[in-house]
Amino acid sequence: MNWNDATEDLLQQILSRTPRPIRDETESQLKRAAESIAEEEGLSRVGVNTLVAAWIRSTPAAVRPDMGRQLEQLGLDPDEYSELLNES
C-alpha cells in the first residue's frame, strides 16, 4: 500500500510524541490499522485522514479527550474528526 509524503511526515510527528520503548510497536500498529482502513474504503493510498482515523481508533477512549489538543498541535482541525473522537 502506498503512503503519500504528507502522511509519512504526519506518522513521524505522531511517533515523535510516542515514548521510545513502544515507538516501533506503535508504528507497526498504526500502519496496519491505516492500511486496513484504506483497504476497507477501496483506496490504494493511505492519506492523512486515514492515518488520523487509525490513530484515533487505536488510542484508548480514556486518553481521547486530549487528542483534540494533539491534533491542533500537529496543524490539524479537531472538528474534522469530532465524530471519531467521540466514538466509544
PDB file of N, CA and C in Angstrom:
ATOM      1  N   MET A   1       0.850  -1.170   0.000  1.00  0.00           N
ATOM      2  CA  MET A   1       0.000   0.000   0.000  1.00  0.00           C
ATOM      3  C   MET A   1       0.896   1.235   0.000  1.00  0.00           C
ATOM      4  N   ASN A   2       0.532   2.214  -0.791  1.00  0.00           N
ATOM      5  CA  ASN A   2       1.299   3.455  -0.894  1.00  0.00           C
ATOM      6  C   ASN A   2       0.889   4.458   0.177  1.00  0.00           C
ATOM      7  N   TRP A   3       1.851   5.236   0.607  1.00  0.00           N
ATOM      8  CA  TRP A   3       1.631   6.326   1.563  1.00  0.00           C
ATOM      9  C   TRP A   3       2.146   7.599   0.903  1.00  0.00           C
ATOM     10  N   ASN A   4       1.351   8.683   0.953  1.00  0.00           N
ATOM     11  CA  ASN A   4       1.873   9.920   0.378  1.00  0.00           C
ATOM     12  C   ASN A   4       2.823  10.595   1.367  1.00  0.00           C
ATOM     13  N   ASP A   5       3.597  11.564   0.880  1.00  0.00           N
ATOM     14  CA  ASP A   5       4.626  12.201   1.704  1.00  0.00           C
ATOM     15  C   ASP A   5       4.050  12.888   2.938  1.00  0.00           C
ATOM     16  N   ALA A   6       2.916  13.561   2.784  1.00  0.00           N
ATOM     17  CA  ALA A   6       2.307  14.260   3.921  1.00  0.00           C
ATOM     18  C   ALA A   6       1.908  13.278   5.010  1.00  0.00           C
ATOM     19  N   THR A   7       1.439  12.113   4.607  1.00  0.00           N
ATOM     20  CA  THR A   7       1.036  11.095   5.576  1.00  0.00           C
ATOM     21  C   THR A   7       2.253  10.511   6.278  1.00  0.00           C
ATOM     22  N   GLU A   8       3.311  10.259   5.550  1.00  0.00           N
ATOM     23  CA  GLU A   8       4.556   9.775   6.160  1.00  0.00           C
ATOM     24  C   GLU A   8       5.094  10.789   7.166  1.00  0.00           C
ATOM     25  N   ASP A   9       5.050  12.078   6.785  1.00  0.00           N
ATOM     26  CA  ASP A   9       5.517  13.132   7.692  1.00  0.00           C
ATOM     27  C   ASP A   9       4.674  13.163   8.967  1.00  0.00           C
ATOM     28  N   LEU A  10       3.358  13.054   8.817  1.00  0.00           N
ATOM     29  CA  LEU A  10       2.476  13.056   9.984  1.00  0.00           C
ATOM     30  C   LEU A  10       2.753  11.851  10.872  1.00  0.00           C
ATOM     31  N   LEU A  11       2.961  10.694  10.272  1.00  0.00           N
ATOM     32  CA  LEU A  11       3.280   9.497  11.044  1.00  0.00           C
ATOM     33  C   LEU A  11       4.530   9.737  11.892  1.00  0.00           C
ATOM     34  N   GLN A  12       5.545  10.334  11.297  1.00  0.00           N
ATOM     35  CA  GLN A  12       6.774  10.595  12.047  1.00  0.00           C
ATOM     36  C   GLN A  12       6.546  11.599  13.176  1.00  0.00           C
ATOM     37  N   GLN A  13       5.674  12.581  12.957  1.00  0.00           N
ATOM     38  CA  GLN A  13       5.345  13.543  14.012  1.00  0.00           C
ATOM     39  C   GLN A  13       4.615  12.854  15.160  1.00  0.00           C
ATOM     40  N   ILE A  14       3.686  11.973  14.827  1.00  0.00           N
ATOM     41  CA  ILE A  14       2.962  11.217  15.853  1.00  0.00           C
ATOM     42  C   ILE A  14       3.940  10.351  16.638  1.00  0.00           C
ATOM     43  N   LEU A  15       4.811   9.678  15.925  1.00  0.00           N
ATOM     44  CA  LEU A  15       5.764   8.785  16.586  1.00  0.00           C
ATOM     45  C   LEU A  15       6.750   9.556  17.469  1.00  0.00           C
ATOM     46  N   SER A  16       7.061  10.775  17.104  1.00  0.00           N
ATOM     47  CA  SER A  16       7.988  11.565  17.921  1.00  0.00           C
ATOM     48  C   SER A  16       7.383  11.897  19.284  1.00  0.00           C
ATOM     49  N   ARG A  17       6.066  11.786  19.408  1.00  0.00           N
ATOM     50  CA  ARG A  17       5.364  12.028  20.673  1.00  0.00           C
ATOM     51  C   ARG A  17       5.168  10.736  21.462  1.00  0.00           C
ATOM     52  N   THR A  18       5.591   9.650  20.884  1.00  0.00           N
ATOM     53  CA  THR A  18       5.403   8.330  21.479  1.00  0.00           C
ATOM     54  C   THR A  18       6.659   7.950  22.258  1.00  0.00           C
ATOM     55  N   PRO A  19       6.498   7.433  23.465  1.00  0.00           N
ATOM     56  CA  PRO A  19       7.679   7.017  24.228  1.00  0.00           C
ATOM     57  C   PRO A  19       8.537   6.031  23.434  1.00  0.00           C
ATOM     58  N   ARG A  20       9.827   6.238  23.481  1.00  0.00           N
ATOM     59  CA  ARG A  20      10.765   5.422  22.708  1.00  0.00           C
ATOM     60  C   ARG A  20      10.591   3.911  22.877  1.00  0.00           C
ATOM     61  N   PRO A  21      10.349   3.404  24.088  1.00  0.00           N
ATOM     62  CA  PRO A  21      10.238   1.946  24.241  1.00  0.00           C
ATOM     63  C   PRO A  21       9.105   1.305  23.427  1.00  0.00           C
ATOM     64  N   ILE A  22       8.068   2.078  23.093  1.00  0.00           N
ATOM     65  CA  ILE A  22       6.954   1.483  22.343  1.00  0.00           C
ATOM     66  C   ILE A  22       6.796   2.092  20.951  1.00  0.00           C
ATOM     67  N   ARG A  23       7.759   2.889  20.527  1.00  0.00           N
ATOM     68  CA  ARG A  23       7.662   3.598  19.246  1.00  0.00           C
ATOM     69  C   ARG A  23       7.565   2.645  18.063  1.00  0.00           C
ATOM     70  N   ASP A  24       8.414   1.625  18.001  1.00  0.00           N
ATOM     71  CA  ASP A  24       8.386   0.696  16.865  1.00  0.00           C
ATOM     72  C   ASP A  24       7.070  -0.070  16.818  1.00  0.00           C
ATOM     73  N   GLU A  25       6.626  -0.526  17.993  1.00  0.00           N
ATOM     74  CA  GLU A  25       5.354  -1.248  18.059  1.00  0.00           C
ATOM     75  C   GLU A  25       4.196  -0.339  17.630  1.00  0.00           C
ATOM     76  N   THR A  26       4.222   0.909  18.075  1.00  0.00           N
ATOM     77  CA  THR A  26       3.177   1.864  17.713  1.00  0.00           C
ATOM     78  C   THR A  26       3.179   2.127  16.214  1.00  0.00           C
ATOM     79  N   GLU A  27       4.366   2.246  15.636  1.00  0.00           N
ATOM     80  CA  GLU A  27       4.466   2.474  14.195  1.00  0.00           C
ATOM     81  C   GLU A  27       3.836   1.312  13.427  1.00  0.00           C
ATOM     82  N   SER A  28       4.168   0.107  13.798  1.00  0.00           N
ATOM     83  CA  SER A  28       3.596  -1.072  13.126  1.00  0.00           C
ATOM     84  C   SER A  28       2.087  -1.113  13.279  1.00  0.00           C
ATOM     85  N   GLN A  29       1.619  -0.846  14.486  1.00  0.00           N
ATOM     86  CA  GLN A  29       0.183  -0.874  14.758  1.00  0.00           C
ATOM     87  C   GLN A  29      -0.553   0.178  13.930  1.00  0.00           C
ATOM     88  N   LEU A  30      -0.026   1.405  13.907  1.00  0.00           N
ATOM     89  CA  LEU A  30      -0.682   2.466  13.145  1.00  0.00           C
ATOM     90  C   LEU A  30      -0.676   2.177  11.655  1.00  0.00           C
ATOM     91  N   LYS A  31       0.436   1.651  11.145  1.00  0.00           N
ATOM     92  CA  LYS A  31       0.496   1.333   9.720  1.00  0.00           C
ATOM     93  C   LYS A  31      -0.510   0.246   9.353  1.00  0.00           C
ATOM     94  N   ARG A  32      -0.570  -0.803  10.171  1.00  0.00           N
ATOM     95  CA  ARG A  32      -1.541  -1.880   9.892  1.00  0.00           C
ATOM     96  C   ARG A  32      -2.963  -1.343   9.936  1.00  0.00           C
ATOM     97  N   ALA A  33      -3.280  -0.546  10.953  1.00  0.00           N
ATOM     98  CA  ALA A  33      -4.635  -0.014  11.107  1.00  0.00           C
ATOM     99  C   ALA A  33      -4.989   0.912   9.949  1.00  0.00           C
ATOM    100  N   ALA A  34      -4.068   1.795   9.576  1.00  0.00           N
ATOM    101  CA  ALA A  34      -4.338   2.734   8.488  1.00  0.00           C
ATOM    102  C   ALA A  34      -4.513   2.010   7.153  1.00  0.00           C
ATOM    103  N   GLU A  35      -3.676   1.026   6.902  1.00  0.00           N
ATOM    104  CA  GLU A  35      -3.794   0.279   5.654  1.00  0.00           C
ATOM    105  C   GLU A  35      -5.075  -0.543   5.621  1.00  0.00           C
ATOM    106  N   SER A  36      -5.487  -1.049   6.752  1.00  0.00           N
ATOM    107  CA  SER A  36      -6.741  -1.792   6.833  1.00  0.00           C
ATOM    108  C   SER A  36      -7.930  -0.873   6.525  1.00  0.00           C
ATOM    109  N   ILE A  37      -7.916   0.315   7.099  1.00  0.00           N
ATOM    110  CA  ILE A  37      -8.998   1.276   6.832  1.00  0.00           C
ATOM    111  C   ILE A  37      -9.009   1.645   5.355  1.00  0.00           C
ATOM    112  N   ALA A  38      -7.835   1.913   4.798  1.00  0.00           N
ATOM    113  CA  ALA A  38      -7.754   2.276   3.376  1.00  0.00           C
ATOM    114  C   ALA A  38      -8.308   1.156   2.499  1.00  0.00           C
ATOM    115  N   GLU A  39      -7.936  -0.079   2.799  1.00  0.00           N
ATOM    116  CA  GLU A  39      -8.438  -1.218   2.019  1.00  0.00           C
ATOM    117  C   GLU A  39      -9.949  -1.330   2.131  1.00  0.00           C
ATOM    118  N   GLU A  40     -10.486  -1.172   3.345  1.00  0.00           N
ATOM    119  CA  GLU A  40     -11.942  -1.237   3.546  1.00  0.00           C
ATOM    120  C   GLU A  40     -12.663  -0.175   2.733  1.00  0.00           C
ATOM    121  N   GLU A  41     -12.008   0.985   2.560  1.00  0.00           N
ATOM    122  CA  GLU A  41     -12.616   2.084   1.815  1.00  0.00           C
ATOM    123  C   GLU A  41     -12.292   2.018   0.323  1.00  0.00           C
ATOM    124  N   GLY A  42     -11.580   0.977  -0.097  1.00  0.00           N
ATOM    125  CA  GLY A  42     -11.259   0.807  -1.501  1.00  0.00           C
ATOM    126  C   GLY A  42     -10.191   1.766  -2.008  1.00  0.00           C
ATOM    127  N   LEU A  43      -9.348   2.249  -1.117  1.00  0.00           N
ATOM    128  CA  LEU A  43      -8.299   3.188  -1.502  1.00  0.00           C
ATOM    129  C   LEU A  43      -6.997   2.444  -1.781  1.00  0.00           C
ATOM    130  N   SER A  44      -6.183   2.998  -2.671  1.00  0.00           N
ATOM    131  CA  SER A  44      -4.895   2.388  -2.972  1.00  0.00           C
ATOM    132  C   SER A  44      -3.763   3.120  -2.263  1.00  0.00           C
ATOM    133  N   ARG A  45      -4.089   4.200  -1.574  1.00  0.00           N
ATOM    134  CA  ARG A  45      -3.070   5.002  -0.902  1.00  0.00           C
ATOM    135  C   ARG A  45      -3.594   5.442   0.461  1.00  0.00           C
ATOM    136  N   VAL A  46      -2.722   5.433   1.449  1.00  0.00           N
ATOM    137  CA  VAL A  46      -3.072   5.917   2.780  1.00  0.00           C
ATOM    138  C   VAL A  46      -2.840   7.421   2.803  1.00  0.00           C
ATOM    139  N   GLY A  47      -3.897   8.168   3.103  1.00  0.00           N
ATOM    140  CA  GLY A  47      -3.803   9.618   3.211  1.00  0.00           C
ATOM    141  C   GLY A  47      -3.839  10.059   4.663  1.00  0.00           C
ATOM    142  N   VAL A  48      -3.699  11.350   4.867  1.00  0.00           N
ATOM    143  CA  VAL A  48      -3.666  11.921   6.210  1.00  0.00           C
ATOM    144  C   VAL A  48      -4.924  11.563   6.986  1.00  0.00           C
ATOM    145  N   ASN A  49      -6.097  11.716   6.377  1.00  0.00           N
ATOM    146  CA  ASN A  49      -7.351  11.432   7.101  1.00  0.00           C
ATOM    147  C   ASN A  49      -7.431   9.975   7.532  1.00  0.00           C
ATOM    148  N   THR A  50      -6.939   9.089   6.701  1.00  0.00           N
ATOM    149  CA  THR A  50      -6.947   7.667   7.048  1.00  0.00           C
ATOM    150  C   THR A  50      -6.006   7.397   8.220  1.00  0.00           C
ATOM    151  N   LEU A  51      -4.827   8.001   8.201  1.00  0.00           N
ATOM    152  CA  LEU A  51      -3.891   7.831   9.305  1.00  0.00           C
ATOM    153  C   LEU A  51      -4.467   8.399  10.595  1.00  0.00           C
ATOM    154  N   VAL A  52      -5.083   9.569  10.522  1.00  0.00           N
ATOM    155  CA  VAL A  52      -5.672  10.167  11.729  1.00  0.00           C
ATOM    156  C   VAL A  52      -6.774   9.264  12.273  1.00  0.00           C
ATOM    157  N   ALA A  53      -7.601   8.710  11.396  1.00  0.00           N
ATOM    158  CA  ALA A  53      -8.655   7.796  11.836  1.00  0.00           C
ATOM    159  C   ALA A  53      -8.046   6.585  12.545  1.00  0.00           C
ATOM    160  N   ALA A  54      -6.979   6.039  11.987  1.00  0.00           N
ATOM    161  CA  ALA A  54      -6.314   4.885  12.606  1.00  0.00           C
ATOM    162  C   ALA A  54      -5.735   5.269  13.961  1.00  0.00           C
ATOM    163  N   TRP A  55      -5.137   6.435  14.046  1.00  0.00           N
ATOM    164  CA  TRP A  55      -4.539   6.911  15.293  1.00  0.00           C
ATOM    165  C   TRP A  55      -5.597   7.080  16.380  1.00  0.00           C
ATOM    166  N   ILE A  56      -6.693   7.723  16.014  1.00  0.00           N
ATOM    167  CA  ILE A  56      -7.772   7.940  16.988  1.00  0.00           C
ATOM    168  C   ILE A  56      -8.356   6.604  17.430  1.00  0.00           C
ATOM    169  N   ARG A  57      -8.660   5.739  16.483  1.00  0.00           N
ATOM    170  CA  ARG A  57      -9.279   4.449  16.822  1.00  0.00           C
ATOM    171  C   ARG A  57      -8.364   3.561  17.652  1.00  0.00           C
ATOM    172  N   SER A  58      -7.056   3.714  17.494  1.00  0.00           N
ATOM    173  CA  SER A  58      -6.133   2.869  18.255  1.00  0.00           C
ATOM    174  C   SER A  58      -5.774   3.472  19.611  1.00  0.00           C
ATOM    175  N   THR A  59      -6.256   4.678  19.864  1.00  0.00           N
ATOM    176  CA  THR A  59      -5.996   5.337  21.144  1.00  0.00           C
ATOM    177  C   THR A  59      -7.094   4.958  22.132  1.00  0.00           C
ATOM    178  N   PRO A  60      -6.738   4.534  23.325  1.00  0.00           N
ATOM    179  CA  PRO A  60      -7.756   4.170  24.320  1.00  0.00           C
ATOM    180  C   PRO A  60      -8.720   5.335  24.587  1.00  0.00           C
ATOM    181  N   ALA A  61      -9.990   5.010  24.765  1.00  0.00           N
ATOM    182  CA  ALA A  61     -11.023   6.028  24.973  1.00  0.00           C
ATOM    183  C   ALA A  61     -10.690   6.953  26.139  1.00  0.00           C
ATOM    184  N   ALA A  62     -10.036   6.443  27.149  1.00  0.00           N
ATOM    185  CA  ALA A  62      -9.709   7.257  28.327  1.00  0.00           C
ATOM    186  C   ALA A  62      -8.725   8.375  27.991  1.00  0.00           C
ATOM    187  N   VAL A  63      -7.968   8.221  26.917  1.00  0.00           N
ATOM    188  CA  VAL A  63      -6.961   9.209  26.541  1.00  0.00           C
ATOM    189  C   VAL A  63      -7.467  10.143  25.434  1.00  0.00           C
ATOM    190  N   ARG A  64      -8.533   9.783  24.784  1.00  0.00           N
ATOM    191  CA  ARG A  64      -9.026  10.552  23.641  1.00  0.00           C
ATOM    192  C   ARG A  64      -9.380  12.003  23.942  1.00  0.00           C
ATOM    193  N   PRO A  65      -9.844  12.346  25.151  1.00  0.00           N
ATOM    194  CA  PRO A  65     -10.170  13.760  25.384  1.00  0.00           C
ATOM    195  C   PRO A  65      -8.997  14.709  25.095  1.00  0.00           C
ATOM    196  N   ASP A  66      -7.773  14.238  25.189  1.00  0.00           N
ATOM    197  CA  ASP A  66      -6.598  15.073  24.927  1.00  0.00           C
ATOM    198  C   ASP A  66      -6.230  15.103  23.446  1.00  0.00           C
ATOM    199  N   MET A  67      -6.851  14.280  22.644  1.00  0.00           N
ATOM    200  CA  MET A  67      -6.443  14.172  21.243  1.00  0.00           C
ATOM    201  C   MET A  67      -6.768  15.424  20.434  1.00  0.00           C
ATOM    202  N   GLY A  68      -7.818  16.133  20.796  1.00  0.00           N
ATOM    203  CA  GLY A  68      -8.130  17.377  20.087  1.00  0.00           C
ATOM    204  C   GLY A  68      -6.969  18.348  20.164  1.00  0.00           C
ATOM    205  N   ARG A  69      -6.396  18.478  21.342  1.00  0.00           N
ATOM    206  CA  ARG A  69      -5.242  19.362  21.537  1.00  0.00           C
ATOM    207  C   ARG A  69      -4.047  18.851  20.730  1.00  0.00           C
ATOM    208  N   GLN A  70      -3.850  17.553  20.734  1.00  0.00           N
ATOM    209  CA  GLN A  70      -2.728  16.981  19.982  1.00  0.00           C
ATOM    210  C   GLN A  70      -2.896  17.203  18.477  1.00  0.00           C
ATOM    211  N   LEU A  71      -4.123  17.051  17.995  1.00  0.00           N
ATOM    212  CA  LEU A  71      -4.381  17.295  16.577  1.00  0.00           C
ATOM    213  C   LEU A  71      -4.075  18.743  16.222  1.00  0.00           C
ATOM    214  N   GLU A  72      -4.505  19.673  17.067  1.00  0.00           N
ATOM    215  CA  GLU A  72      -4.223  21.090  16.832  1.00  0.00           C
ATOM    216  C   GLU A  72      -2.720  21.350  16.793  1.00  0.00           C
ATOM    217  N   GLN A  73      -1.980  20.731  17.701  1.00  0.00           N
ATOM    218  CA  GLN A  73      -0.527  20.919  17.728  1.00  0.00           C
ATOM    219  C   GLN A  73       0.134  20.407  16.451  1.00  0.00           C
ATOM    220  N   LEU A  74      -0.506  19.462  15.799  1.00  0.00           N
ATOM    221  CA  LEU A  74       0.020  18.923  14.545  1.00  0.00           C
ATOM    222  C   LEU A  74      -0.508  19.684  13.330  1.00  0.00           C
ATOM    223  N   GLY A  75      -1.261  20.765  13.582  1.00  0.00           N
ATOM    224  CA  GLY A  75      -1.787  21.582  12.497  1.00  0.00           C
ATOM    225  C   GLY A  75      -3.061  21.050  11.875  1.00  0.00           C
ATOM    226  N   LEU A  76      -3.748  20.165  12.584  1.00  0.00           N
ATOM    227  CA  LEU A  76      -4.998  19.578  12.083  1.00  0.00           C
ATOM    228  C   LEU A  76      -6.187  20.154  12.842  1.00  0.00           C
ATOM    229  N   ASP A  77      -7.334  20.204  12.192  1.00  0.00           N
ATOM    230  CA  ASP A  77      -8.553  20.724  12.807  1.00  0.00           C
ATOM    231  C   ASP A  77      -9.298  19.581  13.493  1.00  0.00           C
ATOM    232  N   PRO A  78      -9.360  19.601  14.830  1.00  0.00           N
ATOM    233  CA  PRO A  78     -10.037  18.515  15.538  1.00  0.00           C
ATOM    234  C   PRO A  78     -11.523  18.406  15.201  1.00  0.00           C
ATOM    235  N   ASP A  79     -12.131  19.504  14.765  1.00  0.00           N
ATOM    236  CA  ASP A  79     -13.556  19.456  14.406  1.00  0.00           C
ATOM    237  C   ASP A  79     -13.808  18.505  13.238  1.00  0.00           C
ATOM    238  N   GLU A  80     -12.818  18.364  12.359  1.00  0.00           N
ATOM    239  CA  GLU A  80     -12.961  17.445  11.229  1.00  0.00           C
ATOM    240  C   GLU A  80     -13.051  15.989  11.681  1.00  0.00           C
ATOM    241  N   TYR A  81     -12.563  15.727  12.891  1.00  0.00           N
ATOM    242  CA  TYR A  81     -12.506  14.361  13.399  1.00  0.00           C
ATOM    243  C   TYR A  81     -13.380  14.177  14.639  1.00  0.00           C
ATOM    244  N   SER A  82     -14.294  15.109  14.871  1.00  0.00           N
ATOM    245  CA  SER A  82     -15.099  15.074  16.093  1.00  0.00           C
ATOM    246  C   SER A  82     -15.906  13.781  16.230  1.00  0.00           C
ATOM    247  N   GLU A  83     -16.412  13.271  15.128  1.00  0.00           N
ATOM    248  CA  GLU A  83     -17.183  12.020  15.177  1.00  0.00           C
ATOM    249  C   GLU A  83     -16.306  10.872  15.679  1.00  0.00           C
ATOM    250  N   LEU A  84     -15.102  10.779  15.166  1.00  0.00           N
ATOM    251  CA  LEU A  84     -14.172   9.740  15.595  1.00  0.00           C
ATOM    252  C   LEU A  84     -13.746   9.946  17.050  1.00  0.00           C
ATOM    253  N   LEU A  85     -13.506  11.193  17.420  1.00  0.00           N
ATOM    254  CA  LEU A  85     -13.057  11.491  18.787  1.00  0.00           C
ATOM    255  C   LEU A  85     -14.121  11.147  19.813  1.00  0.00           C
ATOM    256  N   ASN A  86     -15.368  11.163  19.400  1.00  0.00           N
ATOM    257  CA  ASN A  86     -16.461  10.893  20.338  1.00  0.00           C
ATOM    258  C   ASN A  86     -16.958   9.462  20.305  1.00  0.00           C
ATOM    259  N   GLU A  87     -16.344   8.594  19.473  1.00  0.00           N
ATOM    260  CA  GLU A  87     -16.709   7.181  19.456  1.00  0.00           C
ATOM    261  C   GLU A  87     -16.299   6.556  20.780  1.00  0.00           C
ATOM    262  N   SER A  88     -17.059   5.559  21.219  1.00  0.00           N
ATOM    263  CA  SER A  88     -16.638   4.867  22.439  1.00  0.00           C
ATOM    264  C   SER A  88     -15.949   3.581  22.133  1.00  0.00           C
TER     265      SER A  88
END
